[in-house]
Amino acid sequence: MMFMFRSLLAQDFELLLFRPQAAKVYGAGSLGTLKRVVMPVAAPSIYTGIRIAISNGWMALVGAELVVGKNGLGFLISQGQNNDSVSTIFVGIISIGVLGILIDTIVHRSEAILLPWHKKLSKAGSS
């Protein structure tokens, strides 16, 4: 919810001021305006916030496992360090990277599926 409000505040105020008024001229109610105008404008920023939050959470999880964990990838790296096992440390590091990329790819692909207009607009704007 917090991502939604922040992304709405970060959007161009002209878009959020004039598009809802135009939608109301065409007969859209408050819920229709929110669904068809405001959310499509804010959705790309919401997804960006979700991706940042997931990466920060992933870093915090691994960091906590390194410090006080009894299991997990951070604990595996810590055990590898204690046992002077470089291969165990690298297995942990590579696993963290692969899982992080996998999670980010899943979120990015879901964004491409759920927000197909954003991809089209991004390509058109870069030309």
Protein backbone atom coordinates (compact mmCIF):
# COMPACT_ATOMS: atom_id res chain seq x y z
CA MET A 1 0.00 0.00 0.00
CA MET A 2 2.84 2.36 0.86
CA PHE A 3 4.38 1.78 -2.59
CA MET A 4 1.11 2.77 -4.22
CA PHE A 5 0.87 6.08 -2.36
CA ARG A 6 4.52 6.93 -2.94
CA SER A 7 4.28 6.14 -6.62
CA LEU A 8 1.13 8.23 -6.93
CA LEU A 9 2.94 11.15 -5.29
CA ALA A 10 5.94 10.70 -7.57
CA GLN A 11 3.89 10.86 -10.77
CA ASP A 12 3.48 13.92 -12.89
CA PHE A 13 0.74 15.96 -11.23
CA GLU A 14 -0.63 17.16 -14.57
CA LEU A 15 -1.32 13.56 -15.57
CA LEU A 16 -3.08 12.85 -12.32
CA LEU A 17 -5.02 16.09 -12.49
CA PHE A 18 -6.22 16.15 -16.10
CA ARG A 19 -6.67 12.47 -16.97
CA PRO A 20 -9.20 11.84 -14.17
CA GLN A 21 -11.09 14.95 -15.21
CA ALA A 22 -11.17 13.70 -18.80
CA ALA A 23 -12.37 10.29 -17.61
CA LYS A 24 -15.17 11.92 -15.63
CA VAL A 25 -16.21 13.91 -18.71
CA TYR A 26 -16.65 10.56 -20.47
CA GLY A 27 -18.81 9.32 -17.60
CA ALA A 28 -16.37 7.36 -15.43
CA GLY A 29 -17.10 7.29 -11.71
CA SER A 30 -14.54 7.45 -8.93
CA LEU A 31 -13.86 3.70 -8.94
CA GLY A 32 -13.63 3.62 -12.74
CA THR A 33 -11.23 6.56 -12.71
CA LEU A 34 -9.06 4.86 -10.11
CA LYS A 35 -9.11 1.56 -12.02
CA ARG A 36 -8.64 2.87 -15.56
CA VAL A 37 -6.61 6.07 -15.09
CA VAL A 38 -4.78 6.41 -11.78
CA MET A 39 -3.62 2.79 -11.30
CA PRO A 40 -2.23 2.37 -14.85
CA VAL A 41 -0.20 5.56 -14.35
CA ALA A 42 1.10 4.44 -10.94
CA ALA A 43 1.56 0.69 -11.60
CA PRO A 44 5.08 0.85 -13.13
CA SER A 45 6.36 2.79 -10.12
CA ILE A 46 4.65 0.34 -7.78
CA TYR A 47 6.47 -2.55 -9.49
CA THR A 48 9.77 -0.69 -9.22
CA GLY A 49 9.16 -0.24 -5.49
CA ILE A 50 8.35 -3.94 -5.13
CA ARG A 51 11.59 -4.92 -6.89
CA ILE A 52 13.64 -2.61 -4.64
CA ALA A 53 11.88 -3.88 -1.50
CA ILE A 54 12.49 -7.51 -2.45
CA SER A 55 16.19 -6.87 -3.07
CA ASN A 56 16.54 -5.02 0.24
CA GLY A 57 14.70 -7.80 2.05
CA TRP A 58 16.91 -10.43 0.40
CA MET A 59 20.06 -8.58 1.53
CA ALA A 60 18.71 -8.24 5.08
CA LEU A 61 17.80 -11.92 5.21
CA VAL A 62 21.23 -13.09 4.11
CA GLY A 63 22.93 -10.58 6.42
CA ALA A 64 20.89 -11.79 9.39
CA GLU A 65 21.74 -15.40 8.53
CA LEU A 66 25.43 -14.49 8.43
CA VAL A 67 25.28 -12.97 11.90
CA VAL A 68 22.90 -15.17 13.89
CA GLY A 69 21.59 -17.87 11.58
CA LYS A 70 21.47 -21.54 12.40
CA ASN A 71 20.61 -22.48 8.81
CA GLY A 72 20.32 -20.86 5.39
CA LEU A 73 22.76 -19.55 2.82
CA GLY A 74 24.31 -16.97 5.15
CA PHE A 75 24.95 -19.70 7.70
CA LEU A 76 26.47 -21.87 4.95
CA ILE A 77 28.91 -19.08 4.07
CA SER A 78 29.73 -18.56 7.74
CA GLN A 79 30.36 -22.29 8.22
CA GLY A 80 32.56 -22.32 5.13
CA GLN A 81 34.59 -19.48 6.59
CA ASN A 82 34.94 -21.26 9.94
CA ASN A 83 36.03 -24.48 8.22
CA ASP A 84 38.35 -22.75 5.72
CA SER A 85 36.29 -24.17 2.85
CA VAL A 86 36.49 -21.74 -0.04
CA SER A 87 34.29 -23.97 -2.21
CA THR A 88 31.47 -23.86 0.39
CA ILE A 89 31.72 -20.08 0.55
CA PHE A 90 31.49 -19.80 -3.24
CA VAL A 91 28.54 -22.20 -3.38
CA GLY A 92 26.72 -19.93 -0.92
CA ILE A 93 27.64 -16.74 -2.77
CA ILE A 94 26.66 -18.10 -6.17
CA SER A 95 23.40 -19.51 -4.77
CA ILE A 96 22.51 -16.12 -3.32
CA GLY A 97 23.19 -14.44 -6.67
CA VAL A 98 21.25 -17.00 -8.70
CA LEU A 99 18.24 -16.88 -6.38
CA GLY A 100 18.29 -13.06 -6.37
CA ILE A 101 18.35 -12.94 -10.17
CA LEU A 102 15.59 -15.57 -10.35
CA ILE A 103 13.32 -13.63 -7.99
CA ASP A 104 13.96 -10.35 -9.83
CA THR A 105 13.27 -12.03 -13.18
CA ILE A 106 9.97 -13.43 -11.90
CA VAL A 107 8.84 -9.99 -10.71
CA HIS A 108 10.04 -8.33 -13.93
CA ARG A 109 8.23 -10.87 -16.13
CA SER A 110 5.04 -10.54 -14.09
CA GLU A 111 5.27 -6.80 -14.69
CA ALA A 112 5.62 -7.39 -18.43
CA ILE A 113 2.57 -9.67 -18.39
CA LEU A 114 0.35 -7.52 -16.15
CA LEU A 115 1.41 -4.14 -17.58
CA PRO A 116 1.84 -4.71 -21.33
CA TRP A 117 1.24 -1.03 -22.14
CA HIS A 118 4.25 0.03 -20.05
CA LYS A 119 6.64 -2.04 -22.17
CA LYS A 120 5.19 -0.57 -25.37
CA LEU A 121 5.44 2.98 -24.03
CA SER A 122 9.01 2.45 -22.82
CA LYS A 123 10.10 1.24 -26.27
CA ALA A 124 8.31 4.12 -28.02
CA GLY A 125 9.89 6.69 -25.68
CA SER A 126 13.42 5.42 -26.23
CA SER A 127 13.29 5.74 -30.03
